[in-house]
Amino acid sequence: MSKDRRTVTLEPEVNKYLKTDGVNASQLINRLVKNHQSSGGDKRDMLQLRAEQLRSDIDELEGRLDTKESELERVESQLEDLSSEREDQIKVAKAALDGEKIVEENTKVRFWMDELGVSLKELNELLEDTT
C-alpha cells in the first residue's frame, strides 16, 4: 500500500513527544485518525488509545528503572569491595608497623603513608582505629 506525505503544524509538546525514542509517529497518527474516523470522533476511543500509550510508556520506564537499580547494586557492591580491601590493607600496615616508631623519618612508615595515600597524622589515626 502506498503512503502519502503530509505536512502538519503541531504544538511544541506534541512534536517533542513524537520525537522521543520508541514512538512511531506515523503509526500513532494513522491509528489516531482511523480510530477518530471509525468512531466518528468518539472521545472514548481516543482516551483508550491514550491509556494504552501511557501503559506502554510506564512499561518502558519500569524497564529503565530495573536497569538503573541493577547498575546501582553493582556500584554499591564495588564500593563495599573497595572498603573491605582498604580495611585489609590497614591491617597489614598495622602488623608491618607493630613496634615501629611512627615518625616520618622511618622508611616503613613512609612506605605505608604512600601506600595508603595518607599523612602521618592520618596514618596514626588509622592505626589507632584498628586496635
N, C-alpha and C. Protein backbone atom coordinates (compact mmCIF):
# COMPACT_ATOMS: atom_id res chain seq x y z
N MET A 1 0.85 -1.17 0.00
CA MET A 1 0.00 0.00 0.00
C MET A 1 0.90 1.24 0.00
N SER A 2 0.61 2.13 -0.92
CA SER A 2 1.42 3.35 -0.97
C SER A 2 0.94 4.31 0.11
N LYS A 3 1.85 5.16 0.48
CA LYS A 3 1.55 6.13 1.55
C LYS A 3 1.83 7.53 1.03
N ASP A 4 1.07 8.47 1.52
CA ASP A 4 1.24 9.87 1.13
C ASP A 4 1.93 10.62 2.24
N ARG A 5 2.71 11.62 1.85
CA ARG A 5 3.34 12.51 2.83
C ARG A 5 2.45 13.72 3.02
N ARG A 6 2.45 14.25 4.24
CA ARG A 6 1.65 15.42 4.55
C ARG A 6 2.41 16.24 5.58
N THR A 7 2.34 17.54 5.46
CA THR A 7 2.95 18.44 6.44
C THR A 7 1.85 18.95 7.35
N VAL A 8 2.13 18.88 8.65
CA VAL A 8 1.15 19.37 9.62
C VAL A 8 1.83 20.30 10.60
N THR A 9 1.03 21.10 11.26
CA THR A 9 1.55 22.00 12.29
C THR A 9 1.17 21.42 13.65
N LEU A 10 2.18 21.29 14.53
CA LEU A 10 1.96 20.67 15.84
C LEU A 10 2.32 21.63 16.96
N GLU A 11 1.68 21.42 18.09
CA GLU A 11 2.08 22.15 19.28
C GLU A 11 3.46 21.63 19.69
N PRO A 12 4.30 22.48 20.28
CA PRO A 12 5.68 22.07 20.63
C PRO A 12 5.75 20.81 21.48
N GLU A 13 4.86 20.67 22.49
CA GLU A 13 4.95 19.49 23.35
C GLU A 13 4.54 18.21 22.61
N VAL A 14 3.63 18.34 21.64
CA VAL A 14 3.23 17.18 20.83
C VAL A 14 4.40 16.78 19.93
N ASN A 15 5.02 17.76 19.33
CA ASN A 15 6.16 17.49 18.46
C ASN A 15 7.30 16.84 19.24
N LYS A 16 7.55 17.35 20.43
CA LYS A 16 8.60 16.78 21.29
C LYS A 16 8.30 15.33 21.61
N TYR A 17 7.05 15.03 21.95
CA TYR A 17 6.66 13.65 22.26
C TYR A 17 6.87 12.74 21.05
N LEU A 18 6.49 13.21 19.89
CA LEU A 18 6.62 12.38 18.68
C LEU A 18 8.08 12.09 18.33
N LYS A 19 9.01 12.89 18.84
CA LYS A 19 10.43 12.69 18.58
C LYS A 19 11.09 11.74 19.57
N THR A 20 10.39 11.36 20.66
CA THR A 20 11.01 10.52 21.69
C THR A 20 11.23 9.12 21.16
N ASP A 21 12.25 8.45 21.72
CA ASP A 21 12.56 7.07 21.34
C ASP A 21 11.37 6.17 21.64
N GLY A 22 11.14 5.25 20.75
CA GLY A 22 10.08 4.28 20.97
C GLY A 22 8.71 4.72 20.47
N VAL A 23 8.60 5.96 20.01
CA VAL A 23 7.32 6.45 19.48
C VAL A 23 7.41 6.43 17.96
N ASN A 24 6.56 5.64 17.35
CA ASN A 24 6.46 5.59 15.90
C ASN A 24 5.37 6.60 15.51
N ALA A 25 5.80 7.79 15.13
CA ALA A 25 4.86 8.89 14.89
C ALA A 25 3.87 8.55 13.78
N SER A 26 4.33 7.94 12.70
CA SER A 26 3.43 7.61 11.60
C SER A 26 2.37 6.62 12.04
N GLN A 27 2.79 5.59 12.74
CA GLN A 27 1.85 4.57 13.23
C GLN A 27 0.83 5.18 14.19
N LEU A 28 1.33 6.00 15.10
CA LEU A 28 0.44 6.63 16.07
C LEU A 28 -0.60 7.51 15.39
N ILE A 29 -0.16 8.33 14.47
CA ILE A 29 -1.08 9.25 13.78
C ILE A 29 -2.09 8.47 12.95
N ASN A 30 -1.61 7.42 12.25
CA ASN A 30 -2.54 6.59 11.47
C ASN A 30 -3.61 5.97 12.37
N ARG A 31 -3.19 5.43 13.53
CA ARG A 31 -4.15 4.81 14.45
C ARG A 31 -5.13 5.85 15.00
N LEU A 32 -4.60 7.02 15.36
CA LEU A 32 -5.47 8.06 15.89
C LEU A 32 -6.53 8.49 14.87
N VAL A 33 -6.10 8.69 13.65
CA VAL A 33 -7.03 9.14 12.61
C VAL A 33 -8.05 8.04 12.29
N LYS A 34 -7.58 6.80 12.18
CA LYS A 34 -8.51 5.69 11.89
C LYS A 34 -9.52 5.52 13.02
N ASN A 35 -9.04 5.59 14.27
CA ASN A 35 -9.96 5.49 15.40
C ASN A 35 -10.95 6.65 15.40
N HIS A 36 -10.46 7.81 15.14
CA HIS A 36 -11.31 9.00 15.10
C HIS A 36 -12.35 8.87 13.99
N GLN A 37 -11.89 8.41 12.83
CA GLN A 37 -12.76 8.28 11.67
C GLN A 37 -13.82 7.19 11.91
N SER A 38 -13.40 6.04 12.43
CA SER A 38 -14.34 4.94 12.60
C SER A 38 -15.35 5.19 13.72
N SER A 39 -14.95 5.97 14.68
CA SER A 39 -15.87 6.21 15.80
C SER A 39 -16.59 7.55 15.67
N GLY A 40 -16.36 8.19 14.58
CA GLY A 40 -16.99 9.49 14.40
C GLY A 40 -16.45 10.50 15.41
N GLY A 41 -15.18 10.31 15.80
CA GLY A 41 -14.56 11.25 16.73
C GLY A 41 -14.89 10.92 18.17
N ASP A 42 -15.22 9.66 18.45
CA ASP A 42 -15.59 9.23 19.80
C ASP A 42 -14.45 9.47 20.78
N LYS A 43 -14.74 10.24 21.79
CA LYS A 43 -13.74 10.58 22.80
C LYS A 43 -13.28 9.34 23.57
N ARG A 44 -14.16 8.37 23.76
CA ARG A 44 -13.82 7.15 24.48
C ARG A 44 -12.67 6.41 23.80
N ASP A 45 -12.75 6.26 22.49
CA ASP A 45 -11.69 5.57 21.76
C ASP A 45 -10.37 6.32 21.85
N MET A 46 -10.45 7.62 21.79
CA MET A 46 -9.23 8.43 21.89
C MET A 46 -8.61 8.25 23.28
N LEU A 47 -9.43 8.23 24.31
CA LEU A 47 -8.92 8.05 25.67
C LEU A 47 -8.36 6.64 25.86
N GLN A 48 -9.01 5.64 25.26
CA GLN A 48 -8.49 4.28 25.35
C GLN A 48 -7.12 4.17 24.69
N LEU A 49 -6.98 4.81 23.56
CA LEU A 49 -5.69 4.81 22.88
C LEU A 49 -4.64 5.51 23.72
N ARG A 50 -5.01 6.61 24.33
CA ARG A 50 -4.06 7.34 25.19
C ARG A 50 -3.68 6.49 26.41
N ALA A 51 -4.65 5.79 26.98
CA ALA A 51 -4.37 4.92 28.12
C ALA A 51 -3.41 3.80 27.71
N GLU A 52 -3.61 3.25 26.54
CA GLU A 52 -2.71 2.20 26.03
C GLU A 52 -1.29 2.75 25.87
N GLN A 53 -1.22 3.94 25.35
CA GLN A 53 0.09 4.55 25.16
C GLN A 53 0.77 4.84 26.50
N LEU A 54 0.02 5.31 27.46
CA LEU A 54 0.57 5.57 28.79
C LEU A 54 1.07 4.28 29.44
N ARG A 55 0.31 3.19 29.28
CA ARG A 55 0.77 1.89 29.81
C ARG A 55 2.09 1.49 29.17
N SER A 56 2.19 1.73 27.88
CA SER A 56 3.43 1.41 27.16
C SER A 56 4.59 2.25 27.69
N ASP A 57 4.33 3.53 27.92
CA ASP A 57 5.36 4.42 28.47
C ASP A 57 5.79 3.93 29.86
N ILE A 58 4.82 3.52 30.67
CA ILE A 58 5.12 3.04 32.02
C ILE A 58 5.98 1.78 31.95
N ASP A 59 5.64 0.86 31.05
CA ASP A 59 6.44 -0.36 30.89
C ASP A 59 7.89 -0.02 30.52
N GLU A 60 8.04 0.93 29.62
CA GLU A 60 9.38 1.34 29.21
C GLU A 60 10.14 1.95 30.39
N LEU A 61 9.48 2.81 31.15
CA LEU A 61 10.13 3.44 32.30
C LEU A 61 10.47 2.43 33.38
N GLU A 62 9.60 1.44 33.59
CA GLU A 62 9.89 0.39 34.56
C GLU A 62 11.12 -0.41 34.14
N GLY A 63 11.25 -0.65 32.85
CA GLY A 63 12.44 -1.34 32.34
C GLY A 63 13.70 -0.53 32.59
N ARG A 64 13.61 0.76 32.37
CA ARG A 64 14.76 1.63 32.63
C ARG A 64 15.07 1.67 34.12
N LEU A 65 14.04 1.67 34.96
CA LEU A 65 14.23 1.66 36.41
C LEU A 65 14.95 0.39 36.84
N ASP A 66 14.53 -0.75 36.30
CA ASP A 66 15.19 -2.02 36.63
C ASP A 66 16.67 -1.97 36.25
N THR A 67 16.96 -1.41 35.10
CA THR A 67 18.35 -1.30 34.65
C THR A 67 19.16 -0.42 35.61
N LYS A 68 18.59 0.71 36.00
CA LYS A 68 19.28 1.62 36.92
C LYS A 68 19.47 0.98 38.29
N GLU A 69 18.47 0.23 38.76
CA GLU A 69 18.59 -0.44 40.06
C GLU A 69 19.71 -1.49 40.02
N SER A 70 19.81 -2.22 38.91
CA SER A 70 20.88 -3.22 38.76
C SER A 70 22.24 -2.54 38.74
N GLU A 71 22.33 -1.43 38.04
CA GLU A 71 23.60 -0.70 38.00
C GLU A 71 23.98 -0.19 39.39
N LEU A 72 22.99 0.32 40.12
CA LEU A 72 23.24 0.80 41.48
C LEU A 72 23.75 -0.33 42.37
N GLU A 73 23.16 -1.50 42.26
CA GLU A 73 23.61 -2.66 43.05
C GLU A 73 25.06 -3.00 42.74
N ARG A 74 25.43 -2.97 41.46
CA ARG A 74 26.82 -3.27 41.06
C ARG A 74 27.79 -2.24 41.64
N VAL A 75 27.42 -0.97 41.57
CA VAL A 75 28.28 0.10 42.08
C VAL A 75 28.42 -0.01 43.60
N GLU A 76 27.32 -0.27 44.29
CA GLU A 76 27.39 -0.42 45.75
C GLU A 76 28.25 -1.62 46.14
N SER A 77 28.15 -2.69 45.37
CA SER A 77 28.97 -3.88 45.64
C SER A 77 30.45 -3.56 45.45
N GLN A 78 30.76 -2.81 44.41
CA GLN A 78 32.15 -2.41 44.16
C GLN A 78 32.66 -1.52 45.29
N LEU A 79 31.81 -0.63 45.79
CA LEU A 79 32.20 0.23 46.91
C LEU A 79 32.49 -0.60 48.15
N GLU A 80 31.66 -1.60 48.41
CA GLU A 80 31.89 -2.48 49.55
C GLU A 80 33.21 -3.23 49.41
N ASP A 81 33.49 -3.71 48.19
CA ASP A 81 34.74 -4.42 47.94
C ASP A 81 35.94 -3.51 48.20
N LEU A 82 35.85 -2.26 47.73
CA LEU A 82 36.95 -1.32 47.95
C LEU A 82 37.15 -1.04 49.43
N SER A 83 36.06 -0.90 50.15
CA SER A 83 36.15 -0.64 51.58
C SER A 83 36.80 -1.82 52.30
N SER A 84 36.43 -3.01 51.91
CA SER A 84 36.99 -4.21 52.52
C SER A 84 38.48 -4.33 52.20
N GLU A 85 38.84 -4.04 50.96
CA GLU A 85 40.26 -4.07 50.57
C GLU A 85 41.06 -3.06 51.39
N ARG A 86 40.48 -1.89 51.57
CA ARG A 86 41.14 -0.83 52.34
C ARG A 86 41.35 -1.29 53.79
N GLU A 87 40.33 -1.89 54.38
CA GLU A 87 40.45 -2.38 55.75
C GLU A 87 41.55 -3.44 55.85
N ASP A 88 41.61 -4.33 54.87
CA ASP A 88 42.66 -5.36 54.86
C ASP A 88 44.04 -4.72 54.75
N GLN A 89 44.14 -3.72 53.91
CA GLN A 89 45.41 -3.03 53.71
C GLN A 89 45.87 -2.35 55.02
N ILE A 90 44.92 -1.78 55.73
CA ILE A 90 45.25 -1.11 57.00
C ILE A 90 45.71 -2.15 58.03
N LYS A 91 45.09 -3.32 58.04
CA LYS A 91 45.50 -4.38 58.97
C LYS A 91 46.94 -4.83 58.67
N VAL A 92 47.27 -4.95 57.40
CA VAL A 92 48.63 -5.34 57.00
C VAL A 92 49.61 -4.26 57.45
N ALA A 93 49.24 -2.98 57.25
CA ALA A 93 50.11 -1.88 57.66
C ALA A 93 50.31 -1.91 59.17
N LYS A 94 49.25 -2.15 59.90
CA LYS A 94 49.37 -2.20 61.37
C LYS A 94 50.34 -3.31 61.78
N ALA A 95 50.21 -4.47 61.17
CA ALA A 95 51.11 -5.58 61.50
C ALA A 95 52.55 -5.25 61.13
N ALA A 96 52.73 -4.62 59.97
CA ALA A 96 54.08 -4.28 59.50
C ALA A 96 54.73 -3.22 60.36
N LEU A 97 53.92 -2.33 60.93
CA LEU A 97 54.46 -1.23 61.72
C LEU A 97 54.42 -1.50 63.22
N ASP A 98 53.99 -2.71 63.60
CA ASP A 98 53.93 -3.06 65.01
C ASP A 98 55.32 -2.95 65.63
N GLY A 99 55.43 -2.18 66.67
CA GLY A 99 56.71 -1.99 67.35
C GLY A 99 57.59 -0.91 66.72
N GLU A 100 57.16 -0.36 65.60
CA GLU A 100 57.92 0.69 64.92
C GLU A 100 57.56 2.05 65.51
N LYS A 101 58.54 2.93 65.50
CA LYS A 101 58.28 4.30 65.91
C LYS A 101 57.61 4.99 64.72
N ILE A 102 56.45 5.56 64.96
CA ILE A 102 55.66 6.16 63.86
C ILE A 102 56.10 7.61 63.68
N VAL A 103 57.16 7.76 62.90
CA VAL A 103 57.69 9.09 62.54
C VAL A 103 57.99 9.08 61.05
N GLU A 104 57.98 10.26 60.45
CA GLU A 104 58.18 10.34 59.00
C GLU A 104 59.55 9.86 58.56
N GLU A 105 60.53 9.92 59.42
CA GLU A 105 61.88 9.51 59.06
C GLU A 105 61.98 7.99 58.88
N ASN A 106 61.06 7.26 59.44
CA ASN A 106 61.05 5.80 59.34
C ASN A 106 60.61 5.40 57.93
N THR A 107 61.45 4.63 57.22
CA THR A 107 61.14 4.27 55.83
C THR A 107 59.89 3.40 55.73
N LYS A 108 59.67 2.53 56.71
CA LYS A 108 58.46 1.71 56.70
C LYS A 108 57.22 2.59 56.84
N VAL A 109 57.33 3.57 57.71
CA VAL A 109 56.21 4.49 57.91
C VAL A 109 55.93 5.26 56.61
N ARG A 110 57.00 5.76 55.97
CA ARG A 110 56.82 6.50 54.70
C ARG A 110 56.19 5.60 53.63
N PHE A 111 56.66 4.34 53.59
CA PHE A 111 56.10 3.39 52.62
C PHE A 111 54.58 3.27 52.81
N TRP A 112 54.14 3.06 54.05
CA TRP A 112 52.72 2.87 54.31
C TRP A 112 51.92 4.17 54.15
N MET A 113 52.55 5.30 54.40
CA MET A 113 51.87 6.57 54.13
C MET A 113 51.59 6.68 52.63
N ASP A 114 52.60 6.36 51.82
CA ASP A 114 52.42 6.40 50.36
C ASP A 114 51.41 5.35 49.89
N GLU A 115 51.55 4.15 50.43
CA GLU A 115 50.68 3.03 50.02
C GLU A 115 49.21 3.33 50.31
N LEU A 116 48.96 3.93 51.46
CA LEU A 116 47.59 4.25 51.86
C LEU A 116 47.15 5.63 51.41
N GLY A 117 48.10 6.44 50.95
CA GLY A 117 47.77 7.79 50.49
C GLY A 117 47.32 8.70 51.61
N VAL A 118 48.04 8.62 52.75
CA VAL A 118 47.65 9.40 53.92
C VAL A 118 48.84 10.17 54.48
N SER A 119 48.53 11.16 55.31
CA SER A 119 49.57 11.91 56.03
C SER A 119 49.98 11.11 57.26
N LEU A 120 51.03 11.57 57.93
CA LEU A 120 51.47 10.91 59.16
C LEU A 120 50.36 10.92 60.21
N LYS A 121 49.68 12.04 60.35
CA LYS A 121 48.58 12.14 61.32
C LYS A 121 47.47 11.15 60.98
N GLU A 122 47.11 11.08 59.68
CA GLU A 122 46.05 10.16 59.26
C GLU A 122 46.47 8.70 59.47
N LEU A 123 47.75 8.40 59.22
CA LEU A 123 48.25 7.05 59.45
C LEU A 123 48.11 6.68 60.92
N ASN A 124 48.50 7.58 61.79
CA ASN A 124 48.36 7.35 63.23
C ASN A 124 46.90 7.08 63.60
N GLU A 125 46.00 7.86 63.04
CA GLU A 125 44.57 7.68 63.33
C GLU A 125 44.08 6.33 62.83
N LEU A 126 44.52 5.94 61.63
CA LEU A 126 44.11 4.65 61.08
C LEU A 126 44.63 3.49 61.94
N LEU A 127 45.88 3.61 62.38
CA LEU A 127 46.47 2.57 63.20
C LEU A 127 45.78 2.48 64.56
N GLU A 128 45.38 3.60 65.10
CA GLU A 128 44.68 3.62 66.39
C GLU A 128 43.27 3.04 66.25
N ASP A 129 42.62 3.33 65.13
CA ASP A 129 41.24 2.86 64.91
C ASP A 129 41.16 1.36 64.78
N THR A 130 42.23 0.70 64.37
CA THR A 130 42.17 -0.75 64.16
C THR A 130 42.52 -1.54 65.39
N THR A 131 42.80 -0.86 66.48
CA THR A 131 43.16 -1.60 67.72
C THR A 131 41.94 -2.11 68.41
